[in-house]
């Protein structure tokens, strides 16, 4: 049975946030004949010429800058983008006065006619979603990938049919006020994250609860057994419970045993040897186990799962192999914006490592990162950005790091040059900053792309096919 489509014709609607999702929401609402206004706290100058030219082509009114939240009571409905806190005083005031507050992800859940697989966690959402998507595609399912990865879901909502499947990467920002849960919820590692946005770790964890809060006995939840917070969150669900682990067997789900990925859903089956898997790191084995458990629930043949898992090469900016230059391997892990993700990247390689760390603040605690650096064969560190001082303090506090620390690089060209000077044959140079990027770069994608470009610029003669520089 299809959900009733909401009628937005003639409604006065405010969309807060001029990012990718905000523009997508505007386009959807305009197509439904709504009267739309786009609001953003950034000025036109801060948004940039390219963005402003894009907005000027849309039939919308705009309000940018410090007064962007004035006059919210003029709207019938307000859509907030993920970066906008739900509890801003201006939003709460107009909601109390009768204005409806919603979001793109809430509208999508209301309008979607297909079963949804939702994935959340501190690290690995994009990789896990992509694996599930590729597995479903391989058995000719009509599948859509969206949320924080792929397209904003309103871009394809009108193309979804009851026979489709939808895979969504769901951040805490999107989940915080969701009033429905996916048919299959996947909970990866949950640690601290986004404390520049959330008021506390507890609020961050509570924000993720809607991924399971509204499930029932006909739904499924796939839970990371290796993290206590993930277990607690997943086991609060009324859904059928499956687990995954890289440390021990599970009764239902997927795990690693004797160098094999094993799935137990309808019987016990090996999927692949760990040595066959192309994406490095234990955290990626967790992602593979999570995706494998979902595929098992959906009764996808093991040989199909195996083929996708073995051939999957990972995503851009997530431990992405860039090049091997004079015996030194360079990896782009720019999507690493927390200490936990950087720790996972460090642990993924046994080789001596040169780390590029730092960036803008997310109010993270770097204590464990400092200890990990001392314990996992790190020989050199290039510190950048506003958090360089705090990371350096955490490293020094561990009392055991004996490698070199380089500071003062002002741009990616200087960063890559410093890495080249520190690295020797057999080393790994790893951009895994553990921080946001907004003090020096547009975003983590820009940071990663600049890293790769400067490697190309620094070493001009290379074999394009192998990405191995001569």
Protein backbone atom coordinates (compact mmCIF):
# COMPACT_ATOMS: atom_id res chain seq x y z
CA UNK A 1 0.00 0.00 0.00
CA UNK A 2 1.47 3.36 -1.01
CA UNK A 3 1.84 6.24 1.41
CA UNK A 4 -0.38 9.25 0.74
CA UNK A 5 1.62 12.03 -0.91
CA UNK A 6 1.52 15.35 0.94
CA UNK A 7 0.14 18.38 -0.88
CA UNK A 8 2.59 21.30 -0.71
CA UNK A 9 0.82 23.45 -3.32
CA UNK A 10 0.73 27.09 -2.22
CA UNK A 11 2.26 26.34 1.19
CA UNK A 12 4.78 28.84 2.53
CA UNK A 13 7.85 26.78 3.38
CA UNK A 14 11.22 27.78 4.81
CA UNK A 15 14.27 25.61 4.20
CA UNK A 16 17.12 26.22 6.65
CA UNK A 17 20.54 25.40 5.22
CA UNK A 18 21.89 25.96 1.70
CA UNK A 19 24.03 22.83 1.53
CA UNK A 20 23.50 19.84 -0.76
CA UNK A 21 20.48 18.56 1.17
CA UNK A 22 18.97 22.04 1.50
CA UNK A 23 19.16 22.67 -2.26
CA UNK A 24 17.70 19.21 -2.88
CA UNK A 25 14.81 19.98 -0.54
CA UNK A 26 14.17 23.30 -2.31
CA UNK A 27 14.11 21.59 -5.71
CA UNK A 28 11.64 18.98 -4.47
CA UNK A 29 9.30 21.52 -2.89
CA UNK A 30 9.42 23.81 -5.93
CA UNK A 31 8.42 20.82 -8.08
CA UNK A 32 5.40 20.43 -5.81
CA UNK A 33 4.34 24.08 -6.35
CA UNK A 34 5.27 25.31 -2.88
CA UNK A 35 6.28 28.91 -2.11
CA UNK A 36 9.82 28.37 -0.84
CA UNK A 37 12.31 30.53 1.02
CA UNK A 38 15.93 29.43 1.54
CA UNK A 39 17.63 30.55 4.75
CA UNK A 40 21.26 30.23 5.80
CA UNK A 41 23.41 31.84 8.50
CA UNK A 42 26.26 32.28 6.00
CA UNK A 43 26.43 35.46 3.93
CA UNK A 44 26.45 35.37 0.13
CA UNK A 45 30.20 35.89 0.25
CA UNK A 46 30.64 32.95 2.62
CA UNK A 47 28.43 30.71 0.49
CA UNK A 48 30.54 31.50 -2.56
CA UNK A 49 29.84 32.56 -6.12
CA UNK A 50 29.16 29.06 -7.45
CA UNK A 51 26.54 28.33 -4.76
CA UNK A 52 24.87 31.74 -5.12
CA UNK A 53 24.62 31.38 -8.91
CA UNK A 54 22.99 27.99 -8.38
CA UNK A 55 20.49 29.49 -5.94
CA UNK A 56 19.66 32.44 -8.21
CA UNK A 57 18.36 30.00 -10.83
CA UNK A 58 15.74 28.74 -8.37
CA UNK A 59 12.30 30.39 -7.95
CA UNK A 60 12.86 31.08 -4.25
CA UNK A 61 13.30 34.02 -1.93
CA UNK A 62 16.43 34.05 0.22
CA UNK A 63 17.55 35.28 3.63
CA UNK A 64 21.27 34.98 4.36
CA UNK A 65 23.47 36.18 7.20
CA UNK A 66 23.01 36.75 10.93
CA UNK A 67 19.25 37.53 10.71
CA UNK A 68 18.41 34.37 8.76
CA UNK A 69 16.07 33.10 11.50
CA UNK A 70 13.97 36.24 11.77
CA UNK A 71 10.31 35.92 10.78
CA UNK A 72 10.05 32.12 10.96
CA UNK A 73 6.42 32.50 12.06
CA UNK A 74 5.51 33.48 8.49
CA UNK A 75 5.94 29.87 7.32
CA UNK A 76 3.49 26.96 7.38
CA UNK A 77 6.33 24.42 7.42
CA UNK A 78 10.05 24.64 8.13
CA UNK A 79 12.56 22.09 6.87
CA UNK A 80 15.83 22.03 8.79
CA UNK A 81 18.99 20.67 7.21
CA UNK A 82 21.13 18.22 9.23
CA UNK A 83 23.57 20.90 10.40
CA UNK A 84 20.79 22.95 12.03
CA UNK A 85 20.02 22.10 15.65
CA UNK A 86 16.44 21.09 16.27
CA UNK A 87 16.33 22.94 19.61
CA UNK A 88 17.31 26.45 18.48
CA UNK A 89 15.14 28.90 20.48
CA UNK A 90 13.77 30.50 17.29
CA UNK A 91 12.65 27.10 15.98
CA UNK A 92 11.09 25.99 19.27
CA UNK A 93 9.21 29.29 19.57
CA UNK A 94 7.50 29.05 16.18
CA UNK A 95 6.80 25.35 16.65
CA UNK A 96 4.96 26.21 19.85
CA UNK A 97 2.97 28.74 17.80
CA UNK A 98 1.88 26.03 15.36
CA UNK A 99 4.54 25.97 12.63
CA UNK A 100 5.40 22.42 11.54
CA UNK A 101 9.11 21.56 11.89
CA UNK A 102 10.42 18.72 9.77
CA UNK A 103 13.41 17.58 7.68
CA UNK A 104 14.14 15.94 4.35
CA UNK A 105 14.83 12.57 5.97
CA UNK A 106 11.54 12.69 7.93
CA UNK A 107 9.60 13.49 4.76
CA UNK A 108 11.37 10.70 2.89
CA UNK A 109 10.44 8.12 5.54
CA UNK A 110 6.82 9.29 5.28
CA UNK A 111 6.77 9.12 1.48
CA UNK A 112 8.93 6.07 0.80
CA UNK A 113 7.01 3.01 -0.44
CA UNK A 114 9.94 0.60 -0.23
CA UNK A 115 11.71 -1.12 2.68
CA UNK A 116 14.60 0.94 4.05
CA UNK A 117 17.96 -0.32 5.27
CA UNK A 118 19.39 2.36 7.56
CA UNK A 119 23.02 2.41 8.69
CA UNK A 120 24.43 4.51 11.52
CA UNK A 121 27.58 4.61 13.65
CA UNK A 122 30.64 6.74 14.30
CA UNK A 123 32.72 5.18 11.53
CA UNK A 124 32.08 2.97 8.51
CA UNK A 125 28.59 4.10 7.47
CA UNK A 126 29.56 4.96 3.91
CA UNK A 127 31.55 1.78 3.32
CA UNK A 128 28.85 -0.45 4.81
CA UNK A 129 26.07 1.26 2.84
CA UNK A 130 28.06 0.92 -0.37
CA UNK A 131 28.70 -2.77 0.22
CA UNK A 132 25.01 -3.45 0.90
CA UNK A 133 24.09 -1.43 -2.20
CA UNK A 134 26.53 -3.37 -4.39
CA UNK A 135 25.33 -6.72 -3.04
CA UNK A 136 21.69 -5.84 -3.74
CA UNK A 137 22.56 -4.57 -7.22
CA UNK A 138 24.37 -7.82 -7.97
CA UNK A 139 21.09 -9.76 -7.62
CA UNK A 140 19.23 -7.32 -9.89
CA UNK A 141 17.38 -5.55 -7.13
CA UNK A 142 16.14 -2.04 -7.89
CA UNK A 143 18.08 -0.25 -5.17
CA UNK A 144 18.66 3.39 -4.24
CA UNK A 145 21.57 4.72 -2.16
CA UNK A 146 21.18 7.98 -0.28
CA UNK A 147 21.41 9.96 2.94
CA UNK A 148 24.93 11.11 3.75
CA UNK A 149 26.20 9.15 0.76
CA UNK A 150 24.91 9.10 -2.80
CA UNK A 151 21.98 11.37 -3.56
CA UNK A 152 19.78 13.23 -1.07
CA UNK A 153 16.77 10.87 -0.82
CA UNK A 154 14.16 13.38 -2.03
CA UNK A 155 16.04 13.36 -5.36
CA UNK A 156 14.76 9.84 -6.01
CA UNK A 157 11.68 9.46 -3.79
CA UNK A 158 9.25 9.69 -6.73
CA UNK A 159 11.10 6.84 -8.50
CA UNK A 160 10.88 4.40 -5.59
CA UNK A 161 8.35 1.57 -5.89
CA UNK A 162 7.25 -1.06 -3.34
CA UNK A 163 9.57 -3.55 -5.10
CA UNK A 164 12.61 -1.31 -4.58
CA UNK A 165 15.11 -1.28 -1.73
CA UNK A 166 16.56 1.89 -0.23
CA UNK A 167 19.91 2.03 1.59
CA UNK A 168 20.42 5.15 3.71
CA UNK A 169 23.47 6.39 5.57
CA UNK A 170 21.98 8.10 8.63
CA UNK A 171 23.91 10.52 10.83
CA UNK A 172 22.91 11.59 14.32
CA UNK A 173 21.89 14.96 12.83
CA UNK A 174 19.33 13.22 10.63
CA UNK A 175 18.14 10.70 13.21
CA UNK A 176 17.68 13.07 16.14
CA UNK A 177 13.99 13.83 15.48
CA UNK A 178 13.05 10.94 13.20
CA UNK A 179 9.67 9.41 14.03
CA UNK A 180 10.01 6.15 12.09
CA UNK A 181 12.69 3.45 11.98
CA UNK A 182 14.07 1.51 9.01
CA UNK A 183 13.00 -2.07 8.31
CA UNK A 184 16.62 -3.18 8.76
CA UNK A 185 18.72 -1.05 11.12
CA UNK A 186 22.50 -1.47 11.16
CA UNK A 187 24.45 -0.15 14.15
CA UNK A 188 28.20 0.06 13.64
CA UNK A 189 30.77 1.19 16.19
CA UNK A 190 29.35 4.04 18.30
CA UNK A 191 31.87 6.21 20.13
CA UNK A 192 32.20 9.97 20.65
CA UNK A 193 31.59 12.20 17.62
CA UNK A 194 30.37 15.67 16.59
CA UNK A 195 30.81 17.21 20.05
CA UNK A 196 31.06 20.54 18.24
CA UNK A 197 27.34 20.08 17.46
CA UNK A 198 26.04 17.79 20.20
CA UNK A 199 26.12 19.10 23.76
CA UNK A 200 27.50 15.84 25.17
CA UNK A 201 28.33 12.24 24.32
CA UNK A 202 25.04 11.23 25.95
CA UNK A 203 23.09 13.53 23.61
CA UNK A 204 24.96 12.10 20.62
CA UNK A 205 23.99 8.55 21.61
CA UNK A 206 20.38 9.51 22.36
CA UNK A 207 20.21 11.19 18.94
CA UNK A 208 20.82 7.81 17.31
CA UNK A 209 18.01 6.00 19.18
CA UNK A 210 15.31 6.56 16.51
CA UNK A 211 17.09 4.12 14.19
CA UNK A 212 15.60 1.34 16.37
CA UNK A 213 13.03 3.12 18.54
CA UNK A 214 10.05 2.48 16.26
CA UNK A 215 10.92 -1.02 15.04
CA UNK A 216 8.68 -4.02 15.69
CA UNK A 217 8.98 -7.80 15.62
CA UNK A 218 8.81 -7.90 11.83
CA UNK A 219 11.93 -5.72 11.51
CA UNK A 220 15.63 -6.54 11.93
CA UNK A 221 18.56 -4.91 13.71
CA UNK A 222 22.22 -5.78 13.00
CA UNK A 223 24.43 -4.88 15.96
CA UNK A 224 28.19 -4.46 16.45
CA UNK A 225 28.85 -6.84 19.34
CA UNK A 226 32.35 -5.46 19.91
CA UNK A 227 31.16 -2.07 21.23
CA UNK A 228 29.10 -1.84 24.43
CA UNK A 229 27.30 1.35 23.38
CA UNK A 230 26.30 -0.22 20.06
CA UNK A 231 25.00 -3.31 21.87
CA UNK A 232 22.99 -1.25 24.33
CA UNK A 233 21.43 0.80 21.55
CA UNK A 234 20.66 -2.21 19.34
CA UNK A 235 19.27 -4.37 22.11
CA UNK A 236 16.71 -1.70 22.99
CA UNK A 237 14.96 -2.57 19.71
CA UNK A 238 11.88 -4.78 19.47
CA UNK A 239 13.20 -6.14 16.16
CA UNK A 240 14.84 -9.51 15.44
CA UNK A 241 18.48 -9.21 16.50
CA UNK A 242 21.57 -10.19 14.52
CA UNK A 243 25.16 -9.45 15.53
CA UNK A 244 28.58 -9.06 13.97
CA UNK A 245 32.05 -9.22 15.48
CA UNK A 246 35.72 -9.41 14.57
CA UNK A 247 36.59 -10.76 18.02
CA UNK A 248 34.29 -13.72 18.69
CA UNK A 249 31.62 -15.94 17.09
CA UNK A 250 27.97 -14.89 17.15
CA UNK A 251 24.86 -17.08 17.15
CA UNK A 252 23.14 -15.14 14.35
CA UNK A 253 24.95 -12.73 12.03
CA UNK A 254 28.57 -12.59 10.83
CA UNK A 255 32.04 -12.78 12.34
CA UNK A 256 35.72 -13.46 11.64
CA UNK A 257 37.13 -16.89 12.49
CA UNK A 258 40.48 -18.43 11.53
CA UNK A 259 41.01 -15.91 8.74
CA UNK A 260 37.54 -16.25 7.21
CA UNK A 261 34.41 -14.10 7.10
CA UNK A 262 31.62 -16.34 8.38
CA UNK A 263 27.86 -15.73 8.16
CA UNK A 264 25.18 -17.49 10.18
CA UNK A 265 21.66 -16.62 9.14
CA UNK A 266 20.14 -19.65 7.46
CA UNK A 267 22.95 -22.05 8.23
CA UNK A 268 26.73 -21.58 8.60
CA UNK A 269 28.71 -20.40 5.57
CA UNK A 270 32.16 -18.95 4.88
CA UNK A 271 32.10 -15.92 2.61
CA UNK A 272 35.73 -14.99 1.98
CA UNK A 273 39.25 -15.27 3.30
CA UNK A 274 40.42 -12.12 5.06
CA UNK A 275 43.59 -12.12 2.93
CA UNK A 276 41.42 -11.81 -0.22
CA UNK A 277 39.82 -8.56 0.98
CA UNK A 278 41.19 -5.39 -0.62
CA UNK A 279 40.19 -2.73 1.92
CA UNK A 280 42.59 -2.62 4.90
CA UNK A 281 41.92 -2.48 8.62
CA UNK A 282 39.91 -4.29 11.29
CA UNK A 283 37.24 -1.59 11.13
CA UNK A 284 36.65 -2.51 7.49
CA UNK A 285 36.28 -6.16 8.51
CA UNK A 286 33.52 -4.95 10.83
CA UNK A 287 31.87 -3.14 7.92
CA UNK A 288 32.11 -6.27 5.77
CA UNK A 289 30.60 -8.40 8.53
CA UNK A 290 27.73 -5.92 8.95
CA UNK A 291 26.94 -5.91 5.22
CA UNK A 292 27.27 -9.70 5.08
CA UNK A 293 24.79 -10.11 7.94
CA UNK A 294 22.27 -7.90 6.11
CA UNK A 295 22.76 -9.93 2.92
CA UNK A 296 22.21 -13.11 4.91
CA UNK A 297 18.95 -11.77 6.34
CA UNK A 298 17.83 -11.03 2.77
CA UNK A 299 18.76 -14.62 1.76
CA UNK A 300 21.21 -13.51 -0.92
CA UNK A 301 23.34 -16.48 -2.11
CA UNK A 302 26.73 -16.74 -0.34
CA UNK A 303 28.63 -16.92 -3.63
CA UNK A 304 27.11 -13.57 -4.65
CA UNK A 305 28.05 -11.95 -1.35
CA UNK A 306 31.57 -13.37 -1.67
CA UNK A 307 32.11 -11.94 -5.14
CA UNK A 308 31.12 -8.42 -4.09
CA UNK A 309 33.14 -8.50 -0.86
CA UNK A 310 36.32 -9.71 -2.56
CA UNK A 311 36.15 -7.19 -5.41
CA UNK A 312 35.12 -4.15 -3.34
CA UNK A 313 37.89 -1.52 -3.40
CA UNK A 314 36.46 0.94 -0.90
CA UNK A 315 35.38 4.57 -1.17
CA UNK A 316 37.24 7.79 -1.94
CA UNK A 317 38.93 9.43 1.06
CA UNK A 318 38.46 6.35 3.28
CA UNK A 319 41.85 4.62 3.48
CA UNK A 320 42.03 5.10 -0.28
CA UNK A 321 45.31 4.00 -1.83
CA UNK A 322 46.69 6.93 -3.81
CA UNK A 323 50.12 5.91 -5.07
CA UNK A 324 53.39 4.16 -4.33
CA UNK A 325 56.31 6.54 -4.75
CA UNK A 326 59.90 5.29 -4.40
CA UNK A 327 58.69 2.44 -2.20
CA UNK A 328 56.46 4.67 -0.03
CA UNK A 329 52.69 4.09 -0.09
CA UNK A 330 50.36 7.10 0.24
CA UNK A 331 46.81 6.70 1.59
CA UNK A 332 44.00 9.27 1.65
CA UNK A 333 41.80 8.86 4.75
CA UNK A 334 40.56 12.45 4.76
CA UNK A 335 37.07 11.30 5.81
CA UNK A 336 38.65 10.53 9.20
CA UNK A 337 37.39 13.42 11.33
CA UNK A 338 37.56 11.85 14.82
CA UNK A 339 40.33 10.35 16.97
CA UNK A 340 38.60 6.96 16.78
CA UNK A 341 38.71 6.85 12.99
CA UNK A 342 42.36 7.89 12.95
CA UNK A 343 43.15 5.15 15.49
CA UNK A 344 41.50 2.58 13.23
CA UNK A 345 43.57 3.81 10.28
CA UNK A 346 46.82 3.66 12.27
CA UNK A 347 46.08 0.10 13.36
CA UNK A 348 45.35 -0.95 9.76
CA UNK A 349 49.05 -0.89 8.81
CA UNK A 350 52.04 -2.68 10.34
CA UNK A 351 54.54 -0.63 8.31
CA UNK A 352 56.29 2.43 9.79
CA UNK A 353 53.93 5.37 9.35
CA UNK A 354 54.10 9.09 8.68
CA UNK A 355 50.81 10.62 9.91
CA UNK A 356 49.18 13.86 8.86
CA UNK A 357 46.99 14.97 11.78
CA UNK A 358 44.96 18.03 12.71
CA UNK A 359 42.33 20.45 11.50
CA UNK A 360 39.40 22.35 12.94
CA UNK A 361 37.87 21.42 16.27
CA UNK A 362 35.06 18.99 17.01
CA UNK A 363 35.90 19.16 20.76
CA UNK A 364 37.45 15.69 20.64
CA UNK A 365 39.56 14.00 23.29
CA UNK A 366 42.92 12.97 21.77
CA UNK A 367 44.26 11.03 24.79
CA UNK A 368 43.81 7.55 23.31
CA UNK A 369 45.10 8.74 19.93
CA UNK A 370 48.29 9.93 21.62
CA UNK A 371 48.79 6.53 23.25
CA UNK A 372 48.04 4.67 19.99
CA UNK A 373 50.64 6.70 18.12
CA UNK A 374 53.26 5.52 20.60
CA UNK A 375 52.23 1.86 20.32
CA UNK A 376 51.71 1.35 16.57
CA UNK A 377 54.98 2.05 14.78
CA UNK A 378 54.51 5.75 13.98
CA UNK A 379 57.86 7.34 13.09
CA UNK A 380 56.77 10.83 12.12
CA UNK A 381 53.83 13.23 12.48
CA UNK A 382 52.90 16.34 10.54
CA UNK A 383 50.58 18.49 12.65
CA UNK A 384 48.28 21.01 10.95
CA UNK A 385 45.36 23.27 11.75
CA UNK A 386 43.82 24.59 14.94
CA UNK A 387 43.92 21.28 16.80
CA UNK A 388 47.67 20.75 16.28
CA UNK A 389 48.47 22.03 19.77
CA UNK A 390 45.97 19.72 21.51
CA UNK A 391 47.10 16.66 19.53
CA UNK A 392 50.75 17.44 20.30
CA UNK A 393 49.91 17.70 23.99
CA UNK A 394 48.18 14.29 23.93
CA UNK A 395 51.19 12.72 22.16
CA UNK A 396 53.65 14.24 24.65
CA UNK A 397 51.47 13.15 27.58
CA UNK A 398 51.77 9.52 26.50
CA UNK A 399 55.48 9.88 27.27
CA UNK A 400 56.60 7.22 24.81
CA UNK A 401 56.67 8.76 21.33
CA UNK A 402 60.24 9.07 20.00
CA UNK A 403 59.55 10.04 16.37
CA UNK A 404 59.69 13.41 14.67
CA UNK A 405 56.94 16.03 14.84
CA UNK A 406 56.76 18.63 12.06
CA UNK A 407 54.63 21.76 12.47
CA UNK A 408 53.94 24.93 10.54
CA UNK A 409 52.81 23.66 7.12
CA UNK A 410 50.41 26.24 5.74
CA UNK A 411 48.92 24.38 2.77
CA UNK A 412 48.72 20.91 1.25
CA UNK A 413 51.77 21.44 -0.95
CA UNK A 414 53.89 22.04 2.15
CA UNK A 415 52.21 19.12 3.96
CA UNK A 416 52.97 16.60 1.19
CA UNK A 417 56.51 17.94 0.83
CA UNK A 418 57.11 17.44 4.57
CA UNK A 419 55.74 13.90 4.36
CA UNK A 420 58.03 13.11 1.44
CA UNK A 421 61.05 14.34 3.39
CA UNK A 422 60.23 12.13 6.40
CA UNK A 423 59.31 8.94 4.51
CA UNK A 424 61.66 6.14 3.51
CA UNK A 425 61.17 3.02 1.41
CA UNK A 426 58.70 0.67 3.08
CA UNK A 427 56.86 3.46 4.94
CA UNK A 428 53.19 4.44 4.73
CA UNK A 429 52.17 8.10 4.52
CA UNK A 430 48.69 8.39 5.97
CA UNK A 431 46.39 11.41 5.77
CA UNK A 432 43.99 10.55 8.60
CA UNK A 433 43.52 13.91 10.31
CA UNK A 434 41.20 12.98 13.25
CA UNK A 435 39.66 16.45 12.85
CA UNK A 436 37.28 18.42 10.69
CA UNK A 437 38.76 20.31 7.76
CA UNK A 438 37.11 23.70 7.78
CA UNK A 439 40.06 25.77 9.03
CA UNK A 440 42.21 25.09 5.95
CA UNK A 441 39.94 23.40 3.38
CA UNK A 442 36.37 23.58 2.07
CA UNK A 443 35.55 20.13 3.43
CA UNK A 444 37.11 16.69 3.83
CA UNK A 445 36.66 15.99 0.09
CA UNK A 446 38.62 19.11 -0.82
CA UNK A 447 41.31 18.14 1.72
CA UNK A 448 41.63 14.64 0.22
CA UNK A 449 41.59 15.87 -3.37
CA UNK A 450 44.31 18.40 -2.63
CA UNK A 451 46.39 15.64 -1.01
CA UNK A 452 46.11 13.48 -4.13
CA UNK A 453 46.76 16.39 -6.50
CA UNK A 454 49.90 17.42 -4.67
CA UNK A 455 51.26 13.88 -4.79
CA UNK A 456 50.75 14.01 -8.56
CA UNK A 457 52.40 17.43 -8.74
CA UNK A 458 55.33 16.36 -6.59
CA UNK A 459 56.04 13.20 -8.59
CA UNK A 460 55.25 13.95 -12.20
CA UNK A 461 56.49 10.75 -13.88
CA UNK A 462 54.25 7.84 -13.04
CA UNK A 463 52.61 4.75 -14.41
CA UNK A 464 48.92 5.71 -14.68
CA UNK A 465 47.74 2.14 -14.73
CA UNK A 466 49.45 0.99 -11.53
CA UNK A 467 49.60 4.38 -9.82
CA UNK A 468 53.22 3.52 -9.04
CA UNK A 469 55.60 6.41 -9.50
CA UNK A 470 58.92 5.82 -11.19
